[in-house]
Amino acid sequence: MNLQQLISDHATCTDLLKCAFNLSDAEVDIYRTLSDMGALRSDQLAEEMGKNPSSVYRGLQKMVSCGMVIKETKNLEAGGSFNLYRAKSRAQLKDDLRSCMDAMMRRVDVLLDSFEEGF
């Protein structure tokens, strides 16, 4: 997804999400499923989706790094730990996207102001 496609009349909210966070269709599906189901371990999510656990784990790590998903480590009484993943709410994600787009537009304005000299 590039900016030209994003500003077309056919662009969707999913396209915006994919462009802003550099997500694949599979990663968007992971976010949607996690958002609908609540906090899960990565293996539970993979099983629910019928997907490869390694692929789901990589997608979750990517979304944790960009702030779409929150990872919580839980300790077991008998020792050891596991991670639960929780999707940010769609309202929170919308606010994050708005902030991201606002910051991008400020940066684009700066770049355009110096375009003739900087290109």
PDB file of N, CA and C in Angstrom:
ATOM      1  N   MET A   1       0.855  -1.173   0.000  1.00  0.00           N
ATOM      2  CA  MET A   1       0.000   0.000   0.000  1.00  0.00           C
ATOM      3  C   MET A   1       0.898   1.231   0.000  1.00  0.00           C
ATOM      4  N   ASN A   2       0.667   2.110  -0.960  1.00  0.00           N
ATOM      5  CA  ASN A   2       1.419   3.357  -0.985  1.00  0.00           C
ATOM      6  C   ASN A   2       0.461   4.537  -0.804  1.00  0.00           C
ATOM      7  N   LEU A   3       1.027   5.727  -0.678  1.00  0.00           N
ATOM      8  CA  LEU A   3       0.195   6.903  -0.414  1.00  0.00           C
ATOM      9  C   LEU A   3      -0.791   7.178  -1.543  1.00  0.00           C
ATOM     10  N   GLN A   4      -0.372   6.963  -2.770  1.00  0.00           N
ATOM     11  CA  GLN A   4      -1.268   7.207  -3.906  1.00  0.00           C
ATOM     12  C   GLN A   4      -2.499   6.311  -3.812  1.00  0.00           C
ATOM     13  N   GLN A   5      -2.292   5.048  -3.446  1.00  0.00           N
ATOM     14  CA  GLN A   5      -3.418   4.126  -3.288  1.00  0.00           C
ATOM     15  C   GLN A   5      -4.267   4.513  -2.083  1.00  0.00           C
ATOM     16  N   LEU A   6      -3.612   4.988  -1.028  1.00  0.00           N
ATOM     17  CA  LEU A   6      -4.322   5.338   0.192  1.00  0.00           C
ATOM     18  C   LEU A   6      -5.273   6.515  -0.016  1.00  0.00           C
ATOM     19  N   ILE A   7      -4.932   7.430  -0.884  1.00  0.00           N
ATOM     20  CA  ILE A   7      -5.797   8.594  -1.083  1.00  0.00           C
ATOM     21  C   ILE A   7      -6.840   8.380  -2.180  1.00  0.00           C
ATOM     22  N   SER A   8      -6.867   7.184  -2.747  1.00  0.00           N
ATOM     23  CA  SER A   8      -7.874   6.896  -3.774  1.00  0.00           C
ATOM     24  C   SER A   8      -9.248   6.762  -3.120  1.00  0.00           C
ATOM     25  N   ASP A   9     -10.274   6.880  -3.939  1.00  0.00           N
ATOM     26  CA  ASP A   9     -11.649   6.745  -3.449  1.00  0.00           C
ATOM     27  C   ASP A   9     -11.964   5.330  -2.990  1.00  0.00           C
ATOM     28  N   HIS A  10     -11.129   4.372  -3.346  1.00  0.00           N
ATOM     29  CA  HIS A  10     -11.390   2.977  -3.024  1.00  0.00           C
ATOM     30  C   HIS A  10     -10.667   2.511  -1.758  1.00  0.00           C
ATOM     31  N   ALA A  11      -9.887   3.372  -1.145  1.00  0.00           N
ATOM     32  CA  ALA A  11      -9.137   2.996   0.055  1.00  0.00           C
ATOM     33  C   ALA A  11     -10.100   2.746   1.216  1.00  0.00           C
ATOM     34  N   THR A  12      -9.700   1.839   2.075  1.00  0.00           N
ATOM     35  CA  THR A  12     -10.519   1.450   3.226  1.00  0.00           C
ATOM     36  C   THR A  12      -9.768   1.743   4.531  1.00  0.00           C
ATOM     37  N   CYS A  13     -10.456   1.572   5.639  1.00  0.00           N
ATOM     38  CA  CYS A  13      -9.810   1.715   6.943  1.00  0.00           C
ATOM     39  C   CYS A  13      -8.693   0.683   7.097  1.00  0.00           C
ATOM     40  N   THR A  14      -8.907  -0.503   6.556  1.00  0.00           N
ATOM     41  CA  THR A  14      -7.869  -1.535   6.586  1.00  0.00           C
ATOM     42  C   THR A  14      -6.638  -1.069   5.825  1.00  0.00           C
ATOM     43  N   ASP A  15      -6.840  -0.414   4.691  1.00  0.00           N
ATOM     44  CA  ASP A  15      -5.713   0.110   3.920  1.00  0.00           C
ATOM     45  C   ASP A  15      -4.926   1.139   4.732  1.00  0.00           C
ATOM     46  N   LEU A  16      -5.631   1.988   5.455  1.00  0.00           N
ATOM     47  CA  LEU A  16      -4.968   2.977   6.307  1.00  0.00           C
ATOM     48  C   LEU A  16      -4.122   2.291   7.370  1.00  0.00           C
ATOM     49  N   LEU A  17      -4.681   1.284   8.009  1.00  0.00           N
ATOM     50  CA  LEU A  17      -3.964   0.531   9.034  1.00  0.00           C
ATOM     51  C   LEU A  17      -2.723  -0.134   8.450  1.00  0.00           C
ATOM     52  N   LYS A  18      -2.872  -0.761   7.296  1.00  0.00           N
ATOM     53  CA  LYS A  18      -1.747  -1.432   6.657  1.00  0.00           C
ATOM     54  C   LYS A  18      -0.646  -0.445   6.283  1.00  0.00           C
ATOM     55  N   CYS A  19      -1.029   0.705   5.771  1.00  0.00           N
ATOM     56  CA  CYS A  19      -0.052   1.709   5.356  1.00  0.00           C
ATOM     57  C   CYS A  19       0.649   2.330   6.566  1.00  0.00           C
ATOM     58  N   ALA A  20      -0.107   2.697   7.582  1.00  0.00           N
ATOM     59  CA  ALA A  20       0.461   3.392   8.741  1.00  0.00           C
ATOM     60  C   ALA A  20       1.426   2.517   9.526  1.00  0.00           C
ATOM     61  N   PHE A  21       1.116   1.226   9.630  1.00  0.00           N
ATOM     62  CA  PHE A  21       1.931   0.336  10.451  1.00  0.00           C
ATOM     63  C   PHE A  21       2.690  -0.716   9.638  1.00  0.00           C
ATOM     64  N   ASN A  22       2.647  -0.594   8.313  1.00  0.00           N
ATOM     65  CA  ASN A  22       3.346  -1.527   7.421  1.00  0.00           C
ATOM     66  C   ASN A  22       2.934  -2.973   7.708  1.00  0.00           C
ATOM     67  N   LEU A  23       1.630  -3.208   7.730  1.00  0.00           N
ATOM     68  CA  LEU A  23       1.097  -4.523   8.050  1.00  0.00           C
ATOM     69  C   LEU A  23       0.681  -5.284   6.800  1.00  0.00           C
ATOM     70  N   SER A  24       0.753  -6.586   6.906  1.00  0.00           N
ATOM     71  CA  SER A  24       0.236  -7.468   5.853  1.00  0.00           C
ATOM     72  C   SER A  24      -1.237  -7.766   6.150  1.00  0.00           C
ATOM     73  N   ASP A  25      -1.911  -8.376   5.182  1.00  0.00           N
ATOM     74  CA  ASP A  25      -3.294  -8.798   5.414  1.00  0.00           C
ATOM     75  C   ASP A  25      -3.366  -9.777   6.580  1.00  0.00           C
ATOM     76  N   ALA A  26      -2.412 -10.697   6.659  1.00  0.00           N
ATOM     77  CA  ALA A  26      -2.400 -11.689   7.738  1.00  0.00           C
ATOM     78  C   ALA A  26      -2.255 -11.011   9.099  1.00  0.00           C
ATOM     79  N   GLU A  27      -1.424  -9.980   9.179  1.00  0.00           N
ATOM     80  CA  GLU A  27      -1.236  -9.262  10.444  1.00  0.00           C
ATOM     81  C   GLU A  27      -2.491  -8.491  10.840  1.00  0.00           C
ATOM     82  N   VAL A  28      -3.191  -7.933   9.867  1.00  0.00           N
ATOM     83  CA  VAL A  28      -4.467  -7.268  10.156  1.00  0.00           C
ATOM     84  C   VAL A  28      -5.464  -8.289  10.691  1.00  0.00           C
ATOM     85  N   ASP A  29      -5.478  -9.490  10.114  1.00  0.00           N
ATOM     86  CA  ASP A  29      -6.372 -10.554  10.607  1.00  0.00           C
ATOM     87  C   ASP A  29      -6.027 -10.938  12.039  1.00  0.00           C
ATOM     88  N   ILE A  30      -4.738 -10.987  12.360  1.00  0.00           N
ATOM     89  CA  ILE A  30      -4.315 -11.291  13.732  1.00  0.00           C
ATOM     90  C   ILE A  30      -4.845 -10.224  14.677  1.00  0.00           C
ATOM     91  N   TYR A  31      -4.685  -8.945  14.310  1.00  0.00           N
ATOM     92  CA  TYR A  31      -5.186  -7.860  15.163  1.00  0.00           C
ATOM     93  C   TYR A  31      -6.700  -7.981  15.354  1.00  0.00           C
ATOM     94  N   ARG A  32      -7.429  -8.186  14.268  1.00  0.00           N
ATOM     95  CA  ARG A  32      -8.894  -8.273  14.361  1.00  0.00           C
ATOM     96  C   ARG A  32      -9.324  -9.416  15.280  1.00  0.00           C
ATOM     97  N   THR A  33      -8.712 -10.574  15.080  1.00  0.00           N
ATOM     98  CA  THR A  33      -9.079 -11.735  15.890  1.00  0.00           C
ATOM     99  C   THR A  33      -8.770 -11.488  17.363  1.00  0.00           C
ATOM    100  N   LEU A  34      -7.594 -10.953  17.639  1.00  0.00           N
ATOM    101  CA  LEU A  34      -7.214 -10.665  19.018  1.00  0.00           C
ATOM    102  C   LEU A  34      -8.135  -9.602  19.618  1.00  0.00           C
ATOM    103  N   SER A  35      -8.477  -8.614  18.843  1.00  0.00           N
ATOM    104  CA  SER A  35      -9.373  -7.556  19.303  1.00  0.00           C
ATOM    105  C   SER A  35     -10.749  -8.124  19.652  1.00  0.00           C
ATOM    106  N   ASP A  36     -11.221  -9.048  18.852  1.00  0.00           N
ATOM    107  CA  ASP A  36     -12.539  -9.644  19.080  1.00  0.00           C
ATOM    108  C   ASP A  36     -12.547 -10.637  20.246  1.00  0.00           C
ATOM    109  N   MET A  37     -11.431 -11.329  20.467  1.00  0.00           N
ATOM    110  CA  MET A  37     -11.403 -12.416  21.437  1.00  0.00           C
ATOM    111  C   MET A  37     -10.877 -12.025  22.813  1.00  0.00           C
ATOM    112  N   GLY A  38     -10.153 -10.945  22.916  1.00  0.00           N
ATOM    113  CA  GLY A  38      -9.554 -10.575  24.180  1.00  0.00           C
ATOM    114  C   GLY A  38      -8.159 -11.149  24.310  1.00  0.00           C
ATOM    115  N   ALA A  39      -7.586 -11.036  25.500  1.00  0.00           N
ATOM    116  CA  ALA A  39      -6.201 -11.435  25.739  1.00  0.00           C
ATOM    117  C   ALA A  39      -6.022 -12.940  25.546  1.00  0.00           C
ATOM    118  N   LEU A  40      -4.969 -13.308  24.785  1.00  0.00           N
ATOM    119  CA  LEU A  40      -4.656 -14.712  24.501  1.00  0.00           C
ATOM    120  C   LEU A  40      -3.155 -14.911  24.445  1.00  0.00           C
ATOM    121  N   ARG A  41      -2.730 -16.146  24.656  1.00  0.00           N
ATOM    122  CA  ARG A  41      -1.347 -16.519  24.360  1.00  0.00           C
ATOM    123  C   ARG A  41      -1.229 -16.649  22.849  1.00  0.00           C
ATOM    124  N   SER A  42      -0.017 -16.537  22.348  1.00  0.00           N
ATOM    125  CA  SER A  42       0.179 -16.611  20.890  1.00  0.00           C
ATOM    126  C   SER A  42      -0.240 -17.973  20.346  1.00  0.00           C
ATOM    127  N   ASP A  43       0.020 -19.061  21.080  1.00  0.00           N
ATOM    128  CA  ASP A  43      -0.365 -20.387  20.593  1.00  0.00           C
ATOM    129  C   ASP A  43      -1.882 -20.552  20.564  1.00  0.00           C
ATOM    130  N   GLN A  44      -2.576 -19.962  21.530  1.00  0.00           N
ATOM    131  CA  GLN A  44      -4.041 -20.006  21.532  1.00  0.00           C
ATOM    132  C   GLN A  44      -4.606 -19.244  20.334  1.00  0.00           C
ATOM    133  N   LEU A  45      -4.020 -18.098  20.065  1.00  0.00           N
ATOM    134  CA  LEU A  45      -4.462 -17.286  18.936  1.00  0.00           C
ATOM    135  C   LEU A  45      -4.219 -18.019  17.617  1.00  0.00           C
ATOM    136  N   ALA A  46      -3.041 -18.626  17.484  1.00  0.00           N
ATOM    137  CA  ALA A  46      -2.724 -19.381  16.266  1.00  0.00           C
ATOM    138  C   ALA A  46      -3.707 -20.526  16.069  1.00  0.00           C
ATOM    139  N   GLU A  47      -4.013 -21.233  17.153  1.00  0.00           N
ATOM    140  CA  GLU A  47      -4.964 -22.349  17.055  1.00  0.00           C
ATOM    141  C   GLU A  47      -6.352 -21.847  16.655  1.00  0.00           C
ATOM    142  N   GLU A  48      -6.785 -20.768  17.279  1.00  0.00           N
ATOM    143  CA  GLU A  48      -8.100 -20.192  16.973  1.00  0.00           C
ATOM    144  C   GLU A  48      -8.201 -19.782  15.502  1.00  0.00           C
ATOM    145  N   MET A  49      -7.109 -19.249  14.970  1.00  0.00           N
ATOM    146  CA  MET A  49      -7.103 -18.767  13.588  1.00  0.00           C
ATOM    147  C   MET A  49      -6.765 -19.866  12.582  1.00  0.00           C
ATOM    148  N   GLY A  50      -6.266 -21.005  13.076  1.00  0.00           N
ATOM    149  CA  GLY A  50      -5.829 -22.056  12.159  1.00  0.00           C
ATOM    150  C   GLY A  50      -4.577 -21.654  11.394  1.00  0.00           C
ATOM    151  N   LYS A  51      -3.712 -20.891  12.056  1.00  0.00           N
ATOM    152  CA  LYS A  51      -2.492 -20.363  11.429  1.00  0.00           C
ATOM    153  C   LYS A  51      -1.255 -20.967  12.063  1.00  0.00           C
ATOM    154  N   ASN A  52      -0.145 -20.840  11.370  1.00  0.00           N
ATOM    155  CA  ASN A  52       1.139 -21.299  11.868  1.00  0.00           C
ATOM    156  C   ASN A  52       1.514 -20.492  13.114  1.00  0.00           C
ATOM    157  N   PRO A  53       1.830 -21.162  14.238  1.00  0.00           N
ATOM    158  CA  PRO A  53       2.166 -20.421  15.466  1.00  0.00           C
ATOM    159  C   PRO A  53       3.343 -19.462  15.315  1.00  0.00           C
ATOM    160  N   SER A  54       4.343 -19.836  14.528  1.00  0.00           N
ATOM    161  CA  SER A  54       5.495 -18.942  14.330  1.00  0.00           C
ATOM    162  C   SER A  54       5.093 -17.665  13.609  1.00  0.00           C
ATOM    163  N   SER A  55       4.232 -17.790  12.619  1.00  0.00           N
ATOM    164  CA  SER A  55       3.771 -16.613  11.876  1.00  0.00           C
ATOM    165  C   SER A  55       2.949 -15.690  12.755  1.00  0.00           C
ATOM    166  N   VAL A  56       2.091 -16.279  13.574  1.00  0.00           N
ATOM    167  CA  VAL A  56       1.268 -15.476  14.478  1.00  0.00           C
ATOM    168  C   VAL A  56       2.164 -14.781  15.500  1.00  0.00           C
ATOM    169  N   TYR A  57       3.137 -15.494  16.034  1.00  0.00           N
ATOM    170  CA  TYR A  57       4.060 -14.903  17.007  1.00  0.00           C
ATOM    171  C   TYR A  57       4.818 -13.724  16.392  1.00  0.00           C
ATOM    172  N   ARG A  58       5.335 -13.902  15.179  1.00  0.00           N
ATOM    173  CA  ARG A  58       6.060 -12.800  14.505  1.00  0.00           C
ATOM    174  C   ARG A  58       5.139 -11.596  14.289  1.00  0.00           C
ATOM    175  N   GLY A  59       3.908 -11.857  13.876  1.00  0.00           N
ATOM    176  CA  GLY A  59       2.955 -10.768  13.690  1.00  0.00           C
ATOM    177  C   GLY A  59       2.669 -10.038  14.992  1.00  0.00           C
ATOM    178  N   LEU A  60       2.509 -10.789  16.061  1.00  0.00           N
ATOM    179  CA  LEU A  60       2.275 -10.172  17.372  1.00  0.00           C
ATOM    180  C   LEU A  60       3.460  -9.321  17.796  1.00  0.00           C
ATOM    181  N   GLN A  61       4.676  -9.828  17.593  1.00  0.00           N
ATOM    182  CA  GLN A  61       5.871  -9.064  17.973  1.00  0.00           C
ATOM    183  C   GLN A  61       5.937  -7.752  17.203  1.00  0.00           C
ATOM    184  N   LYS A  62       5.599  -7.806  15.926  1.00  0.00           N
ATOM    185  CA  LYS A  62       5.603  -6.585  15.112  1.00  0.00           C
ATOM    186  C   LYS A  62       4.578  -5.588  15.650  1.00  0.00           C
ATOM    187  N   MET A  63       3.391  -6.082  15.993  1.00  0.00           N
ATOM    188  CA  MET A  63       2.343  -5.184  16.483  1.00  0.00           C
ATOM    189  C   MET A  63       2.636  -4.679  17.890  1.00  0.00           C
ATOM    190  N   VAL A  64       3.342  -5.450  18.694  1.00  0.00           N
ATOM    191  CA  VAL A  64       3.791  -4.964  20.001  1.00  0.00           C
ATOM    192  C   VAL A  64       4.774  -3.811  19.792  1.00  0.00           C
ATOM    193  N   SER A  65       5.692  -3.985  18.854  1.00  0.00           N
ATOM    194  CA  SER A  65       6.718  -2.957  18.630  1.00  0.00           C
ATOM    195  C   SER A  65       6.133  -1.652  18.108  1.00  0.00           C
ATOM    196  N   CYS A  66       5.011  -1.726  17.392  1.00  0.00           N
ATOM    197  CA  CYS A  66       4.412  -0.479  16.896  1.00  0.00           C
ATOM    198  C   CYS A  66       3.259  -0.004  17.780  1.00  0.00           C
ATOM    199  N   GLY A  67       3.019  -0.687  18.900  1.00  0.00           N
ATOM    200  CA  GLY A  67       2.056  -0.200  19.878  1.00  0.00           C
ATOM    201  C   GLY A  67       0.614  -0.591  19.653  1.00  0.00           C
ATOM    202  N   MET A  68       0.339  -1.497  18.737  1.00  0.00           N
ATOM    203  CA  MET A  68      -1.038  -1.924  18.480  1.00  0.00           C
ATOM    204  C   MET A  68      -1.500  -3.001  19.461  1.00  0.00           C
ATOM    205  N   VAL A  69      -0.544  -3.755  19.959  1.00  0.00           N
ATOM    206  CA  VAL A  69      -0.818  -4.888  20.843  1.00  0.00           C
ATOM    207  C   VAL A  69       0.035  -4.727  22.098  1.00  0.00           C
ATOM    208  N   ILE A  70      -0.533  -5.099  23.227  1.00  0.00           N
ATOM    209  CA  ILE A  70       0.170  -5.014  24.503  1.00  0.00           C
ATOM    210  C   ILE A  70       0.489  -6.423  24.975  1.00  0.00           C
ATOM    211  N   LYS A  71       1.751  -6.637  25.345  1.00  0.00           N
ATOM    212  CA  LYS A  71       2.200  -7.941  25.838  1.00  0.00           C
ATOM    213  C   LYS A  71       2.290  -7.873  27.352  1.00  0.00           C
ATOM    214  N   GLU A  72       1.665  -8.838  28.010  1.00  0.00           N
ATOM    215  CA  GLU A  72       1.689  -8.921  29.465  1.00  0.00           C
ATOM    216  C   GLU A  72       2.308 -10.265  29.860  1.00  0.00           C
ATOM    217  N   THR A  73       3.338 -10.227  30.688  1.00  0.00           N
ATOM    218  CA  THR A  73       3.960 -11.452  31.175  1.00  0.00           C
ATOM    219  C   THR A  73       3.284 -11.861  32.475  1.00  0.00           C
ATOM    220  N   LYS A  74       2.847 -13.100  32.523  1.00  0.00           N
ATOM    221  CA  LYS A  74       2.184 -13.654  33.702  1.00  0.00           C
ATOM    222  C   LYS A  74       3.082 -14.736  34.292  1.00  0.00           C
ATOM    223  N   ASN A  75       3.293 -14.685  35.601  1.00  0.00           N
ATOM    224  CA  ASN A  75       4.091 -15.685  36.300  1.00  0.00           C
ATOM    225  C   ASN A  75       3.202 -16.814  36.799  1.00  0.00           C
ATOM    226  N   LEU A  76       3.725 -18.025  36.703  1.00  0.00           N
ATOM    227  CA  LEU A  76       3.022 -19.197  37.206  1.00  0.00           C
ATOM    228  C   LEU A  76       3.466 -19.475  38.640  1.00  0.00           C
ATOM    229  N   GLU A  77       2.561 -19.926  39.484  1.00  0.00           N
ATOM    230  CA  GLU A  77       2.888 -20.208  40.877  1.00  0.00           C
ATOM    231  C   GLU A  77       3.966 -21.283  40.993  1.00  0.00           C
ATOM    232  N   ALA A  78       3.933 -22.251  40.110  1.00  0.00           N
ATOM    233  CA  ALA A  78       4.900 -23.358  40.156  1.00  0.00           C
ATOM    234  C   ALA A  78       6.226 -22.978  39.499  1.00  0.00           C
ATOM    235  N   GLY A  79       6.351 -21.748  39.062  1.00  0.00           N
ATOM    236  CA  GLY A  79       7.549 -21.294  38.361  1.00  0.00           C
ATOM    237  C   GLY A  79       7.279 -21.165  36.878  1.00  0.00           C
ATOM    238  N   GLY A  80       8.075 -20.368  36.237  1.00  0.00           N
ATOM    239  CA  GLY A  80       7.889 -20.128  34.812  1.00  0.00           C
ATOM    240  C   GLY A  80       6.932 -18.977  34.559  1.00  0.00           C
ATOM    241  N   SER A  81       6.735 -18.686  33.320  1.00  0.00           N
ATOM    242  CA  SER A  81       5.851 -17.588  32.942  1.00  0.00           C
ATOM    243  C   SER A  81       5.338 -17.811  31.518  1.00  0.00           C
ATOM    244  N   PHE A  82       4.352 -17.008  31.164  1.00  0.00           N
ATOM    245  CA  PHE A  82       3.837 -17.013  29.794  1.00  0.00           C
ATOM    246  C   PHE A  82       3.411 -15.592  29.457  1.00  0.00           C
ATOM    247  N   ASN A  83       3.251 -15.337  28.169  1.00  0.00           N
ATOM    248  CA  ASN A  83       2.848 -14.004  27.714  1.00  0.00           C
ATOM    249  C   ASN A  83       1.415 -14.035  27.203  1.00  0.00           C
ATOM    250  N   LEU A  84       0.665 -13.041  27.607  1.00  0.00           N
ATOM    251  CA  LEU A  84      -0.662 -12.799  27.063  1.00  0.00           C
ATOM    252  C   LEU A  84      -0.574 -11.567  26.176  1.00  0.00           C
ATOM    253  N   TYR A  85      -1.289 -11.595  25.079  1.00  0.00           N
ATOM    254  CA  TYR A  85      -1.318 -10.475  24.147  1.00  0.00           C
ATOM    255  C   TYR A  85      -2.728  -9.920  24.106  1.00  0.00           C
ATOM    256  N   ARG A  86      -2.816  -8.595  24.172  1.00  0.00           N
ATOM    257  CA  ARG A  86      -4.100  -7.908  24.160  1.00  0.00           C
ATOM    258  C   ARG A  86      -4.037  -6.796  23.124  1.00  0.00           C
ATOM    259  N   ALA A  87      -5.020  -6.770  22.253  1.00  0.00           N
ATOM    260  CA  ALA A  87      -5.077  -5.707  21.239  1.00  0.00           C
ATOM    261  C   ALA A  87      -5.538  -4.413  21.887  1.00  0.00           C
ATOM    262  N   LYS A  88      -4.929  -3.310  21.484  1.00  0.00           N
ATOM    263  CA  LYS A  88      -5.474  -2.009  21.889  1.00  0.00           C
ATOM    264  C   LYS A  88      -6.883  -1.927  21.333  1.00  0.00           C
ATOM    265  N   SER A  89      -7.740  -1.208  22.019  1.00  0.00           N
ATOM    266  CA  SER A  89      -9.102  -1.054  21.514  1.00  0.00           C
ATOM    267  C   SER A  89      -9.072  -0.326  20.178  1.00  0.00           C
ATOM    268  N   ARG A  90     -10.100  -0.525  19.418  1.00  0.00           N
ATOM    269  CA  ARG A  90     -10.181   0.156  18.110  1.00  0.00           C
ATOM    270  C   ARG A  90     -10.228   1.669  18.306  1.00  0.00           C
ATOM    271  N   ALA A  91     -10.854   2.132  19.383  1.00  0.00           N
ATOM    272  CA  ALA A  91     -10.888   3.574  19.675  1.00  0.00           C
ATOM    273  C   ALA A  91      -9.486   4.097  19.968  1.00  0.00           C
ATOM    274  N   GLN A  92      -8.702   3.330  20.758  1.00  0.00           N
ATOM    275  CA  GLN A  92      -7.325   3.743  21.046  1.00  0.00           C
ATOM    276  C   GLN A  92      -6.491   3.736  19.769  1.00  0.00           C
ATOM    277  N   LEU A  93      -6.685   2.704  18.957  1.00  0.00           N
ATOM    278  CA  LEU A  93      -5.931   2.604  17.712  1.00  0.00           C
ATOM    279  C   LEU A  93      -6.292   3.747  16.767  1.00  0.00           C
ATOM    280  N   LYS A  94      -7.547   4.115  16.741  1.00  0.00           N
ATOM    281  CA  LYS A  94      -7.985   5.252  15.923  1.00  0.00           C
ATOM    282  C   LYS A  94      -7.281   6.530  16.370  1.00  0.00           C
ATOM    283  N   ASP A  95      -7.208   6.759  17.680  1.00  0.00           N
ATOM    284  CA  ASP A  95      -6.508   7.938  18.199  1.00  0.00           C
ATOM    285  C   ASP A  95      -5.026   7.904  17.829  1.00  0.00           C
ATOM    286  N   ASP A  96      -4.401   6.720  17.942  1.00  0.00           N
ATOM    287  CA  ASP A  96      -2.993   6.571  17.561  1.00  0.00           C
ATOM    288  C   ASP A  96      -2.790   6.871  16.083  1.00  0.00           C
ATOM    289  N   LEU A  97      -3.704   6.361  15.248  1.00  0.00           N
ATOM    290  CA  LEU A  97      -3.613   6.625  13.803  1.00  0.00           C
ATOM    291  C   LEU A  97      -3.768   8.107  13.500  1.00  0.00           C
ATOM    292  N   ARG A  98      -4.691   8.748  14.175  1.00  0.00           N
ATOM    293  CA  ARG A  98      -4.891  10.198  13.963  1.00  0.00           C
ATOM    294  C   ARG A  98      -3.614  10.962  14.326  1.00  0.00           C
ATOM    295  N   SER A  99      -3.007  10.623  15.450  1.00  0.00           N
ATOM    296  CA  SER A  99      -1.755  11.273  15.861  1.00  0.00           C
ATOM    297  C   SER A  99      -0.646  11.014  14.859  1.00  0.00           C
ATOM    298  N   CYS A 100      -0.569   9.786  14.394  1.00  0.00           N
ATOM    299  CA  CYS A 100       0.447   9.409  13.409  1.00  0.00           C
ATOM    300  C   CYS A 100       0.261  10.201  12.107  1.00  0.00           C
ATOM    301  N   MET A 101      -0.974  10.290  11.640  1.00  0.00           N
ATOM    302  CA  MET A 101      -1.247  11.010  10.394  1.00  0.00           C
ATOM    303  C   MET A 101      -0.991  12.512  10.562  1.00  0.00           C
ATOM    304  N   ASP A 102      -1.334  13.065  11.724  1.00  0.00           N
ATOM    305  CA  ASP A 102      -1.062  14.479  11.990  1.00  0.00           C
ATOM    306  C   ASP A 102       0.443  14.749  11.972  1.00  0.00           C
ATOM    307  N   ALA A 103       1.214  13.863  12.617  1.00  0.00           N
ATOM    308  CA  ALA A 103       2.675  14.020  12.634  1.00  0.00           C
ATOM    309  C   ALA A 103       3.244  13.874  11.231  1.00  0.00           C
ATOM    310  N   MET A 104       2.699  12.941  10.457  1.00  0.00           N
ATOM    311  CA  MET A 104       3.166  12.757   9.091  1.00  0.00           C
ATOM    312  C   MET A 104       2.897  14.017   8.261  1.00  0.00           C
ATOM    313  N   MET A 105       1.728  14.605   8.410  1.00  0.00           N
ATOM    314  CA  MET A 105       1.407  15.800   7.632  1.00  0.00           C
ATOM    315  C   MET A 105       2.295  16.982   8.017  1.00  0.00           C
ATOM    316  N   ARG A 106       2.623  17.103   9.306  1.00  0.00           N
ATOM    317  CA  ARG A 106       3.553  18.167   9.711  1.00  0.00           C
ATOM    318  C   ARG A 106       4.915  17.949   9.057  1.00  0.00           C
ATOM    319  N   ARG A 107       5.364  16.712   9.034  1.00  0.00           N
ATOM    320  CA  ARG A 107       6.661  16.399   8.424  1.00  0.00           C
ATOM    321  C   ARG A 107       6.618  16.616   6.918  1.00  0.00           C
ATOM    322  N   VAL A 108       5.521  16.235   6.271  1.00  0.00           N
ATOM    323  CA  VAL A 108       5.379  16.451   4.832  1.00  0.00           C
ATOM    324  C   VAL A 108       5.421  17.941   4.518  1.00  0.00           C
ATOM    325  N   ASP A 109       4.769  18.750   5.331  1.00  0.00           N
ATOM    326  CA  ASP A 109       4.803  20.203   5.121  1.00  0.00           C
ATOM    327  C   ASP A 109       6.234  20.735   5.179  1.00  0.00           C
ATOM    328  N   VAL A 110       7.021  20.276   6.144  1.00  0.00           N
ATOM    329  CA  VAL A 110       8.422  20.700   6.257  1.00  0.00           C
ATOM    330  C   VAL A 110       9.205  20.272   5.023  1.00  0.00           C
ATOM    331  N   LEU A 111       9.003  19.032   4.607  1.00  0.00           N
ATOM    332  CA  LEU A 111       9.725  18.537   3.428  1.00  0.00           C
ATOM    333  C   LEU A 111       9.334  19.295   2.166  1.00  0.00           C
ATOM    334  N   LEU A 112       8.052  19.579   2.010  1.00  0.00           N
ATOM    335  CA  LEU A 112       7.609  20.311   0.826  1.00  0.00           C
ATOM    336  C   LEU A 112       8.143  21.743   0.808  1.00  0.00           C
ATOM    337  N   ASP A 113       8.258  22.356   1.976  1.00  0.00           N
ATOM    338  CA  ASP A 113       8.809  23.705   2.044  1.00  0.00           C
ATOM    339  C   ASP A 113      10.238  23.769   1.551  1.00  0.00           C
ATOM    340  N   SER A 114      10.971  22.681   1.702  1.00  0.00           N
ATOM    341  CA  SER A 114      12.371  22.664   1.266  1.00  0.00           C
ATOM    342  C   SER A 114      12.573  21.781   0.034  1.00  0.00           C
ATOM    343  N   PHE A 115      11.513  21.438  -0.653  1.00  0.00           N
ATOM    344  CA  PHE A 115      11.580  20.469  -1.757  1.00  0.00           C
ATOM    345  C   PHE A 115      12.516  20.898  -2.874  1.00  0.00           C
ATOM    346  N   GLU A 116      12.420  22.130  -3.304  1.00  0.00           N
ATOM    347  CA  GLU A 116      13.233  22.574  -4.443  1.00  0.00           C
ATOM    348  C   GLU A 116      14.710  22.563  -4.129  1.00  0.00           C
ATOM    349  N   GLU A 117      15.074  22.888  -2.892  1.00  0.00           N
ATOM    350  CA  GLU A 117      16.480  22.881  -2.507  1.00  0.00           C
ATOM    351  C   GLU A 117      16.974  21.483  -2.138  1.00  0.00           C
ATOM    352  N   GLY A 118      16.098  20.650  -1.590  1.00  0.00           N
ATOM    353  CA  GLY A 118      16.508  19.373  -1.036  1.00  0.00           C
ATOM    354  C   GLY A 118      16.424  18.202  -1.990  1.00  0.00           C
ATOM    355  N   PHE A 119      15.861  18.389  -3.180  1.00  0.00           N
ATOM    356  CA  PHE A 119      15.686  17.265  -4.101  1.00  0.00           C
ATOM    357  C   PHE A 119      16.763  17.276  -5.150  1.00  0.00           C
TER     358      PHE A 119
END
